[in-house]
Amino acid sequence: MKFYVVWKGRETGIFTDWNTCRRHVDKFAGAKYKSFKTRAEAEAAYSGKSVASTAQGSPLAGDKPETVPKTKKKSSAQTVKTYTAKEIAAIEVNTKIFTDGGCEPNPGKAGSGIAVYHHEVVTELWYGLYNPAGTNNTAELNALYQALIMAVDNIAQGKSVAIFCDSKYSIQSVIQWAIGWEKNGWKKKTGEIKNLALIQEMFALHQTIKNEVQVLHVNGHVGVEGNELADRMSIMAIESREVDFSLYRGEMGVKEILAMRAG
């Protein structure tokens, strides 16, 4: 088994299969990525060790494992900041909501998960929205949508809220790209807007609370507890084929839940 580090791509992080990694770097301008034999080596490289000095890394494909041929960048390109575990811990809000979506394979069986923290203590885990013919992107969007709905309820109770999502695609679709798409009649020059109906609903909801909620990016599978718990819930959704979005009723043992199969 190999571990794939993506430093620059559609999504960044550590991935455990080449097909997922390839989706994040293929035809992405200036993409940087590499494979490693162990998770420890991948985590060391991803956390700051230079690509060149990571001797154990093995090529992904071809003779240039660290880059993909550059394509012309759009001058209007936007990005989002990725928050570390330390930065997340330093954010002072009443409620922190972590989201994740999974799909096995992609497209394939999809499900969503959420971990909710109140005053830094995990209090709720949610899973469901199973789709036998879903995608990773729809699963991620569905999880973020549920988090936005939860944020509305928390804000109505006078609580401050931050949402943490490991899908840059989902975040940018809802809080960045949708602004321009709406102005252009929900069209874009490069073709079809995938998952349009769902994005439109999410955008409309986000607009009502955009000044009261933070929607932030966190890398997946880098040891951020909330993200890992949301990941386990997304896998539970797939394995249980839970169509509704349901509150996890099992024991709230973090170690035991983290020991469950990861996505």
C-alpha atoms as a PDB file:
ATOM      1  CA  MET A   1       0.000   0.000   0.000  1.00  0.00           C
ATOM      2  CA  LYS A   2       1.251   3.468  -0.863  1.00  0.00           C
ATOM      3  CA  PHE A   3       0.444   6.886   0.560  1.00  0.00           C
ATOM      4  CA  TYR A   4       0.114   9.824  -1.795  1.00  0.00           C
ATOM      5  CA  VAL A   5       0.925  13.374  -0.675  1.00  0.00           C
ATOM      6  CA  VAL A   6      -0.557  16.274  -2.619  1.00  0.00           C
ATOM      7  CA  TRP A   7       1.007  19.605  -1.733  1.00  0.00           C
ATOM      8  CA  LYS A   8      -0.696  21.474  -4.546  1.00  0.00           C
ATOM      9  CA  GLY A   9      -3.837  20.310  -6.355  1.00  0.00           C
ATOM     10  CA  ARG A  10      -7.609  20.576  -6.404  1.00  0.00           C
ATOM     11  CA  GLU A  11      -7.458  19.209  -2.864  1.00  0.00           C
ATOM     12  CA  THR A  12      -4.328  18.766  -0.756  1.00  0.00           C
ATOM     13  CA  GLY A  13      -3.520  16.158   1.842  1.00  0.00           C
ATOM     14  CA  ILE A  14      -2.527  12.513   2.191  1.00  0.00           C
ATOM     15  CA  PHE A  15      -4.423   9.949   0.144  1.00  0.00           C
ATOM     16  CA  THR A  16      -4.267   6.170   0.096  1.00  0.00           C
ATOM     17  CA  ASP A  17      -5.044   5.404  -3.535  1.00  0.00           C
ATOM     18  CA  TRP A  18      -3.657   6.657  -6.826  1.00  0.00           C
ATOM     19  CA  ASN A  19      -7.015   7.240  -8.512  1.00  0.00           C
ATOM     20  CA  THR A  20      -8.054   9.748  -5.822  1.00  0.00           C
ATOM     21  CA  CYS A  21      -4.672  11.465  -5.989  1.00  0.00           C
ATOM     22  CA  ARG A  22      -4.826  11.641  -9.778  1.00  0.00           C
ATOM     23  CA  ARG A  23      -8.217  13.375  -9.709  1.00  0.00           C
ATOM     24  CA  HIS A  24      -6.717  16.117  -7.563  1.00  0.00           C
ATOM     25  CA  VAL A  25      -3.605  16.716  -9.711  1.00  0.00           C
ATOM     26  CA  ASP A  26      -4.462  15.767 -13.297  1.00  0.00           C
ATOM     27  CA  LYS A  27      -4.459  18.889 -15.490  1.00  0.00           C
ATOM     28  CA  PHE A  28      -4.039  21.088 -12.395  1.00  0.00           C
ATOM     29  CA  ALA A  29      -1.568  23.879 -13.101  1.00  0.00           C
ATOM     30  CA  GLY A  30       1.636  23.436 -11.111  1.00  0.00           C
ATOM     31  CA  ALA A  31       0.397  20.400  -9.193  1.00  0.00           C
ATOM     32  CA  LYS A  32       2.917  18.929  -6.729  1.00  0.00           C
ATOM     33  CA  TYR A  33       2.577  15.376  -5.460  1.00  0.00           C
ATOM     34  CA  LYS A  34       4.527  12.252  -4.600  1.00  0.00           C
ATOM     35  CA  SER A  35       4.026   8.727  -3.262  1.00  0.00           C
ATOM     36  CA  PHE A  36       5.559   7.197  -0.140  1.00  0.00           C
ATOM     37  CA  LYS A  37       5.883   3.668   1.184  1.00  0.00           C
ATOM     38  CA  THR A  38       4.651   4.440   4.701  1.00  0.00           C
ATOM     39  CA  ARG A  39       2.175   6.852   6.300  1.00  0.00           C
ATOM     40  CA  ALA A  40       4.934   8.125   8.607  1.00  0.00           C
ATOM     41  CA  GLU A  41       7.036   9.197   5.628  1.00  0.00           C
ATOM     42  CA  ALA A  42       4.021  10.807   3.972  1.00  0.00           C
ATOM     43  CA  GLU A  43       3.052  12.700   7.113  1.00  0.00           C
ATOM     44  CA  ALA A  44       6.639  13.888   7.633  1.00  0.00           C
ATOM     45  CA  ALA A  45       6.808  15.152   4.067  1.00  0.00           C
ATOM     46  CA  TYR A  46       3.388  16.781   4.176  1.00  0.00           C
ATOM     47  CA  SER A  47       4.034  18.531   7.488  1.00  0.00           C
ATOM     48  CA  GLY A  48       6.940  20.499   6.132  1.00  0.00           C
ATOM     49  CA  LYS A  49       9.810  18.318   5.015  1.00  0.00           C
ATOM     50  CA  SER A  50      10.916  19.369   1.542  1.00  0.00           C
ATOM     51  CA  VAL A  51      10.000  17.199  -1.415  1.00  0.00           C
ATOM     52  CA  ALA A  52      13.597  16.934  -2.556  1.00  0.00           C
ATOM     53  CA  SER A  53      14.876  15.685   0.822  1.00  0.00           C
ATOM     54  CA  THR A  54      12.277  12.936   1.203  1.00  0.00           C
ATOM     55  CA  ALA A  55      14.405  10.100  -0.109  1.00  0.00           C
ATOM     56  CA  GLN A  56      11.879   7.340   0.453  1.00  0.00           C
ATOM     57  CA  GLY A  57       9.305   8.875  -1.853  1.00  0.00           C
ATOM     58  CA  SER A  58       8.654   6.956  -5.057  1.00  0.00           C
ATOM     59  CA  PRO A  59       7.334   8.356  -8.350  1.00  0.00           C
ATOM     60  CA  LEU A  60       3.622   8.360  -9.030  1.00  0.00           C
ATOM     61  CA  ALA A  61       3.865   8.162 -12.785  1.00  0.00           C
ATOM     62  CA  GLY A  62       6.384   9.090 -15.453  1.00  0.00           C
ATOM     63  CA  ASP A  63       9.756  10.759 -14.876  1.00  0.00           C
ATOM     64  CA  LYS A  64       8.514  13.871 -13.092  1.00  0.00           C
ATOM     65  CA  PRO A  65       6.685  12.758  -9.943  1.00  0.00           C
ATOM     66  CA  GLU A  66       6.529  16.146  -8.292  1.00  0.00           C
ATOM     67  CA  THR A  67       4.868  18.229 -10.948  1.00  0.00           C
ATOM     68  CA  VAL A  68       2.259  18.084 -13.656  1.00  0.00           C
ATOM     69  CA  PRO A  69       2.805  20.092 -16.851  1.00  0.00           C
ATOM     70  CA  LYS A  70       1.632  23.623 -16.286  1.00  0.00           C
ATOM     71  CA  THR A  71      -1.431  25.000 -17.952  1.00  0.00           C
ATOM     72  CA  LYS A  72      -2.402  28.626 -18.278  1.00  0.00           C
ATOM     73  CA  LYS A  73      -3.661  30.033 -15.013  1.00  0.00           C
ATOM     74  CA  LYS A  74      -6.791  32.098 -14.851  1.00  0.00           C
ATOM     75  CA  SER A  75      -6.130  35.578 -13.548  1.00  0.00           C
ATOM     76  CA  SER A  76      -9.327  35.415 -11.522  1.00  0.00           C
ATOM     77  CA  ALA A  77      -8.373  32.162  -9.783  1.00  0.00           C
ATOM     78  CA  GLN A  78      -9.311  32.007  -6.111  1.00  0.00           C
ATOM     79  CA  THR A  79      -8.186  29.732  -3.365  1.00  0.00           C
ATOM     80  CA  VAL A  80      -8.912  29.093   0.296  1.00  0.00           C
ATOM     81  CA  LYS A  81      -6.563  28.939   3.255  1.00  0.00           C
ATOM     82  CA  THR A  82      -5.996  25.551   4.867  1.00  0.00           C
ATOM     83  CA  TYR A  83      -6.162  25.583   8.670  1.00  0.00           C
ATOM     84  CA  THR A  84      -3.895  23.420  10.812  1.00  0.00           C
ATOM     85  CA  ALA A  85      -5.000  21.617  13.973  1.00  0.00           C
ATOM     86  CA  LYS A  86      -3.287  24.313  16.039  1.00  0.00           C
ATOM     87  CA  GLU A  87      -5.075  27.103  14.190  1.00  0.00           C
ATOM     88  CA  ILE A  88      -8.414  25.332  14.530  1.00  0.00           C
ATOM     89  CA  ALA A  89      -7.917  24.963  18.283  1.00  0.00           C
ATOM     90  CA  ALA A  90      -7.161  28.686  18.544  1.00  0.00           C
ATOM     91  CA  ILE A  91     -10.448  29.740  16.919  1.00  0.00           C
ATOM     92  CA  GLU A  92     -12.782  30.857  19.687  1.00  0.00           C
ATOM     93  CA  VAL A  93     -16.350  29.949  18.802  1.00  0.00           C
ATOM     94  CA  ASN A  94     -19.112  28.149  20.687  1.00  0.00           C
ATOM     95  CA  THR A  95     -19.693  25.502  18.035  1.00  0.00           C
ATOM     96  CA  LYS A  96     -17.288  23.800  15.636  1.00  0.00           C
ATOM     97  CA  ILE A  97     -18.757  21.543  12.961  1.00  0.00           C
ATOM     98  CA  PHE A  98     -16.546  19.160  10.976  1.00  0.00           C
ATOM     99  CA  THR A  99     -17.824  17.651   7.730  1.00  0.00           C
ATOM    100  CA  ASP A 100     -16.731  14.855   5.426  1.00  0.00           C
ATOM    101  CA  GLY A 101     -18.042  12.791   2.554  1.00  0.00           C
ATOM    102  CA  GLY A 102     -16.988   9.415   1.265  1.00  0.00           C
ATOM    103  CA  CYS A 103     -17.546   7.410  -1.901  1.00  0.00           C
ATOM    104  CA  GLU A 104     -16.470   3.835  -2.630  1.00  0.00           C
ATOM    105  CA  PRO A 105     -15.611   3.708  -5.494  1.00  0.00           C
ATOM    106  CA  ASN A 106     -15.981   7.168  -7.028  1.00  0.00           C
ATOM    107  CA  PRO A 107     -18.617   7.295  -8.526  1.00  0.00           C
ATOM    108  CA  GLY A 108     -20.262   4.683  -6.360  1.00  0.00           C
ATOM    109  CA  LYS A 109     -21.649   4.200  -2.873  1.00  0.00           C
ATOM    110  CA  ALA A 110     -21.575   7.575  -1.135  1.00  0.00           C
ATOM    111  CA  GLY A 111     -22.339   8.841   2.354  1.00  0.00           C
ATOM    112  CA  SER A 112     -21.800  11.900   4.549  1.00  0.00           C
ATOM    113  CA  GLY A 113     -20.685  12.485   8.116  1.00  0.00           C
ATOM    114  CA  ILE A 114     -20.485  15.290  10.659  1.00  0.00           C
ATOM    115  CA  ALA A 115     -18.845  15.796  14.066  1.00  0.00           C
ATOM    116  CA  VAL A 116     -20.155  18.636  16.239  1.00  0.00           C
ATOM    117  CA  TYR A 117     -18.151  20.193  19.066  1.00  0.00           C
ATOM    118  CA  HIS A 118     -19.548  22.558  21.680  1.00  0.00           C
ATOM    119  CA  HIS A 119     -16.902  24.398  23.673  1.00  0.00           C
ATOM    120  CA  GLU A 120     -14.212  22.037  22.333  1.00  0.00           C
ATOM    121  CA  VAL A 121     -16.035  18.859  23.413  1.00  0.00           C
ATOM    122  CA  VAL A 122     -17.538  16.512  20.830  1.00  0.00           C
ATOM    123  CA  THR A 123     -21.253  16.261  21.586  1.00  0.00           C
ATOM    124  CA  GLU A 124     -22.885  14.938  18.402  1.00  0.00           C
ATOM    125  CA  LEU A 125     -21.985  12.665  15.509  1.00  0.00           C
ATOM    126  CA  TRP A 126     -24.189  12.415  12.416  1.00  0.00           C
ATOM    127  CA  TYR A 127     -24.149  10.060   9.441  1.00  0.00           C
ATOM    128  CA  GLY A 128     -26.272   9.187   6.422  1.00  0.00           C
ATOM    129  CA  LEU A 129     -27.488  10.521   3.061  1.00  0.00           C
ATOM    130  CA  TYR A 130     -26.461   7.239   1.457  1.00  0.00           C
ATOM    131  CA  ASN A 131     -26.529   7.264  -2.332  1.00  0.00           C
ATOM    132  CA  PRO A 132     -25.702   4.037  -4.207  1.00  0.00           C
ATOM    133  CA  ALA A 133     -24.754   6.081  -7.285  1.00  0.00           C
ATOM    134  CA  GLY A 134     -23.118   9.125  -5.751  1.00  0.00           C
ATOM    135  CA  THR A 135     -19.741  10.838  -6.062  1.00  0.00           C
ATOM    136  CA  ASN A 136     -17.183  12.113  -3.596  1.00  0.00           C
ATOM    137  CA  ASN A 137     -18.149  15.692  -4.468  1.00  0.00           C
ATOM    138  CA  THR A 138     -21.870  15.172  -3.868  1.00  0.00           C
ATOM    139  CA  ALA A 139     -21.111  13.450  -0.559  1.00  0.00           C
ATOM    140  CA  GLU A 140     -18.905  16.370   0.507  1.00  0.00           C
ATOM    141  CA  LEU A 141     -21.514  18.916  -0.587  1.00  0.00           C
ATOM    142  CA  ASN A 142     -24.279  17.087   1.273  1.00  0.00           C
ATOM    143  CA  ALA A 143     -22.232  17.070   4.474  1.00  0.00           C
ATOM    144  CA  LEU A 144     -21.490  20.776   4.156  1.00  0.00           C
ATOM    145  CA  TYR A 145     -25.171  21.490   3.480  1.00  0.00           C
ATOM    146  CA  GLN A 146     -26.165  19.737   6.701  1.00  0.00           C
ATOM    147  CA  ALA A 147     -23.523  21.732   8.569  1.00  0.00           C
ATOM    148  CA  LEU A 148     -24.963  24.983   7.211  1.00  0.00           C
ATOM    149  CA  ILE A 149     -28.430  23.930   8.394  1.00  0.00           C
ATOM    150  CA  MET A 150     -26.984  23.196  11.847  1.00  0.00           C
ATOM    151  CA  ALA A 151     -25.210  26.550  11.806  1.00  0.00           C
ATOM    152  CA  VAL A 152     -28.534  28.332  11.235  1.00  0.00           C
ATOM    153  CA  ASP A 153     -29.968  26.687  14.357  1.00  0.00           C
ATOM    154  CA  ASN A 154     -26.915  27.501  16.456  1.00  0.00           C
ATOM    155  CA  ILE A 155     -26.817  31.118  15.301  1.00  0.00           C
ATOM    156  CA  ALA A 156     -30.515  31.469  16.169  1.00  0.00           C
ATOM    157  CA  GLN A 157     -29.554  30.414  19.709  1.00  0.00           C
ATOM    158  CA  GLY A 158     -26.940  33.144  19.885  1.00  0.00           C
ATOM    159  CA  LYS A 159     -23.962  30.829  19.366  1.00  0.00           C
ATOM    160  CA  SER A 160     -20.910  31.547  17.249  1.00  0.00           C
ATOM    161  CA  VAL A 161     -20.117  28.888  14.646  1.00  0.00           C
ATOM    162  CA  ALA A 162     -17.244  27.694  12.467  1.00  0.00           C
ATOM    163  CA  ILE A 163     -17.522  24.894   9.906  1.00  0.00           C
ATOM    164  CA  PHE A 164     -14.489  22.861   8.861  1.00  0.00           C
ATOM    165  CA  CYS A 165     -14.633  20.998   5.551  1.00  0.00           C
ATOM    166  CA  ASP A 166     -11.811  19.071   3.831  1.00  0.00           C
ATOM    167  CA  SER A 167     -13.209  19.667   0.336  1.00  0.00           C
ATOM    168  CA  LYS A 168     -11.979  22.866  -1.288  1.00  0.00           C
ATOM    169  CA  TYR A 169     -14.344  22.132  -4.169  1.00  0.00           C
ATOM    170  CA  SER A 170     -17.364  22.287  -1.853  1.00  0.00           C
ATOM    171  CA  ILE A 171     -16.229  25.428  -0.058  1.00  0.00           C
ATOM    172  CA  GLN A 172     -15.348  27.327  -3.206  1.00  0.00           C
ATOM    173  CA  SER A 173     -18.473  26.206  -5.047  1.00  0.00           C
ATOM    174  CA  VAL A 174     -20.706  27.638  -2.319  1.00  0.00           C
ATOM    175  CA  ILE A 175     -18.895  30.715  -1.004  1.00  0.00           C
ATOM    176  CA  GLN A 176     -16.819  31.841  -3.989  1.00  0.00           C
ATOM    177  CA  TRP A 177     -17.698  30.491  -7.413  1.00  0.00           C
ATOM    178  CA  ALA A 178     -21.476  30.616  -6.902  1.00  0.00           C
ATOM    179  CA  ILE A 179     -21.329  34.399  -6.630  1.00  0.00           C
ATOM    180  CA  GLY A 180     -20.120  34.697 -10.214  1.00  0.00           C
ATOM    181  CA  TRP A 181     -22.289  31.854 -11.462  1.00  0.00           C
ATOM    182  CA  GLU A 182     -25.386  33.567 -10.115  1.00  0.00           C
ATOM    183  CA  LYS A 183     -24.452  36.845 -11.802  1.00  0.00           C
ATOM    184  CA  ASN A 184     -24.042  34.964 -15.091  1.00  0.00           C
ATOM    185  CA  GLY A 185     -27.423  33.278 -14.857  1.00  0.00           C
ATOM    186  CA  TRP A 186     -25.956  30.152 -13.259  1.00  0.00           C
ATOM    187  CA  LYS A 187     -23.674  29.494 -16.177  1.00  0.00           C
ATOM    188  CA  LYS A 188     -19.919  29.320 -16.574  1.00  0.00           C
ATOM    189  CA  LYS A 189     -17.778  29.729 -19.667  1.00  0.00           C
ATOM    190  CA  THR A 190     -16.036  26.373 -19.324  1.00  0.00           C
ATOM    191  CA  GLY A 191     -19.205  24.285 -19.449  1.00  0.00           C
ATOM    192  CA  GLU A 192     -21.717  22.617 -17.174  1.00  0.00           C
ATOM    193  CA  ILE A 193     -21.911  23.440 -13.472  1.00  0.00           C
ATOM    194  CA  LYS A 194     -22.065  20.040 -11.868  1.00  0.00           C
ATOM    195  CA  ASN A 195     -24.329  19.529  -8.846  1.00  0.00           C
ATOM    196  CA  LEU A 196     -25.991  22.836  -9.717  1.00  0.00           C
ATOM    197  CA  ALA A 197     -29.327  22.355  -7.926  1.00  0.00           C
ATOM    198  CA  LEU A 198     -27.615  21.379  -4.680  1.00  0.00           C
ATOM    199  CA  ILE A 199     -25.108  24.239  -4.912  1.00  0.00           C
ATOM    200  CA  GLN A 200     -27.905  26.742  -5.547  1.00  0.00           C
ATOM    201  CA  GLU A 201     -29.721  25.641  -2.374  1.00  0.00           C
ATOM    202  CA  MET A 202     -26.534  25.782  -0.339  1.00  0.00           C
ATOM    203  CA  PHE A 203     -25.562  29.179  -1.722  1.00  0.00           C
ATOM    204  CA  ALA A 204     -28.960  30.638  -0.894  1.00  0.00           C
ATOM    205  CA  LEU A 205     -28.700  29.322   2.667  1.00  0.00           C
ATOM    206  CA  HIS A 206     -25.130  30.518   3.123  1.00  0.00           C
ATOM    207  CA  GLN A 207     -26.083  34.004   1.970  1.00  0.00           C
ATOM    208  CA  THR A 208     -28.455  34.308   4.931  1.00  0.00           C
ATOM    209  CA  ILE A 209     -25.711  33.609   7.496  1.00  0.00           C
ATOM    210  CA  LYS A 210     -22.487  34.457   5.650  1.00  0.00           C
ATOM    211  CA  ASN A 211     -21.598  37.231   8.085  1.00  0.00           C
ATOM    212  CA  GLU A 212     -22.127  34.984  11.096  1.00  0.00           C
ATOM    213  CA  VAL A 213     -20.424  31.722  10.167  1.00  0.00           C
ATOM    214  CA  GLN A 214     -16.911  30.802   9.102  1.00  0.00           C
ATOM    215  CA  VAL A 215     -16.544  28.056   6.493  1.00  0.00           C
ATOM    216  CA  LEU A 216     -12.921  26.947   6.600  1.00  0.00           C
ATOM    217  CA  HIS A 217     -10.754  24.322   4.936  1.00  0.00           C
ATOM    218  CA  VAL A 218      -8.889  21.593   6.798  1.00  0.00           C
ATOM    219  CA  ASN A 219      -6.854  18.836   5.230  1.00  0.00           C
ATOM    220  CA  GLY A 220      -8.227  15.332   5.519  1.00  0.00           C
ATOM    221  CA  HIS A 221      -6.380  12.493   7.260  1.00  0.00           C
ATOM    222  CA  VAL A 222      -3.738  14.625   8.958  1.00  0.00           C
ATOM    223  CA  GLY A 223      -4.836  13.884  12.504  1.00  0.00           C
ATOM    224  CA  VAL A 224      -7.455  16.595  13.072  1.00  0.00           C
ATOM    225  CA  GLU A 225      -9.833  14.786  15.427  1.00  0.00           C
ATOM    226  CA  GLY A 226     -13.063  16.391  14.219  1.00  0.00           C
ATOM    227  CA  ASN A 227     -12.256  15.647  10.606  1.00  0.00           C
ATOM    228  CA  GLU A 228     -11.339  12.056  11.417  1.00  0.00           C
ATOM    229  CA  LEU A 229     -14.596  11.528  13.321  1.00  0.00           C
ATOM    230  CA  ALA A 230     -16.614  12.966  10.422  1.00  0.00           C
ATOM    231  CA  ASP A 231     -14.730  10.624   8.098  1.00  0.00           C
ATOM    232  CA  ARG A 232     -15.674   7.581  10.190  1.00  0.00           C
ATOM    233  CA  MET A 233     -19.308   8.698  10.134  1.00  0.00           C
ATOM    234  CA  SER A 234     -19.245   8.960   6.331  1.00  0.00           C
ATOM    235  CA  ILE A 235     -18.004   5.365   6.141  1.00  0.00           C
ATOM    236  CA  MET A 236     -20.675   4.289   8.616  1.00  0.00           C
ATOM    237  CA  ALA A 237     -23.241   5.902   6.315  1.00  0.00           C
ATOM    238  CA  ILE A 238     -21.958   3.841   3.397  1.00  0.00           C
ATOM    239  CA  GLU A 239     -21.752   0.583   5.319  1.00  0.00           C
ATOM    240  CA  SER A 240     -25.176   0.983   6.964  1.00  0.00           C
ATOM    241  CA  ARG A 241     -26.756   2.427   3.783  1.00  0.00           C
ATOM    242  CA  GLU A 242     -28.473   5.023   5.959  1.00  0.00           C
ATOM    243  CA  VAL A 243     -30.557   7.253   3.681  1.00  0.00           C
ATOM    244  CA  ASP A 244     -31.692   9.687   6.374  1.00  0.00           C
ATOM    245  CA  PHE A 245     -29.209  11.951   8.159  1.00  0.00           C
ATOM    246  CA  SER A 246     -29.184  10.330  11.576  1.00  0.00           C
ATOM    247  CA  LEU A 247     -27.700  11.052  14.985  1.00  0.00           C
ATOM    248  CA  TYR A 248     -25.161   8.443  16.034  1.00  0.00           C
ATOM    249  CA  ARG A 249     -26.582   6.642  19.078  1.00  0.00           C
ATOM    250  CA  GLY A 250     -23.607   4.471  19.952  1.00  0.00           C
ATOM    251  CA  GLU A 251     -21.053   5.032  22.671  1.00  0.00           C
ATOM    252  CA  MET A 252     -19.303   8.410  22.307  1.00  0.00           C
ATOM    253  CA  GLY A 253     -15.861   6.886  22.755  1.00  0.00           C
ATOM    254  CA  VAL A 254     -13.530   8.901  20.539  1.00  0.00           C
ATOM    255  CA  LYS A 255     -10.763   6.301  20.558  1.00  0.00           C
ATOM    256  CA  GLU A 256     -13.173   3.522  19.663  1.00  0.00           C
ATOM    257  CA  ILE A 257     -14.754   5.522  16.856  1.00  0.00           C
ATOM    258  CA  LEU A 258     -11.359   6.512  15.448  1.00  0.00           C
ATOM    259  CA  ALA A 259     -10.430   2.831  15.460  1.00  0.00           C
ATOM    260  CA  MET A 260     -13.238   2.194  12.964  1.00  0.00           C
ATOM    261  CA  ARG A 261     -12.437   1.894   9.265  1.00  0.00           C
ATOM    262  CA  ALA A 262     -11.309   5.145   7.706  1.00  0.00           C
ATOM    263  CA  GLY A 263     -12.369   6.430   4.311  1.00  0.00           C
END
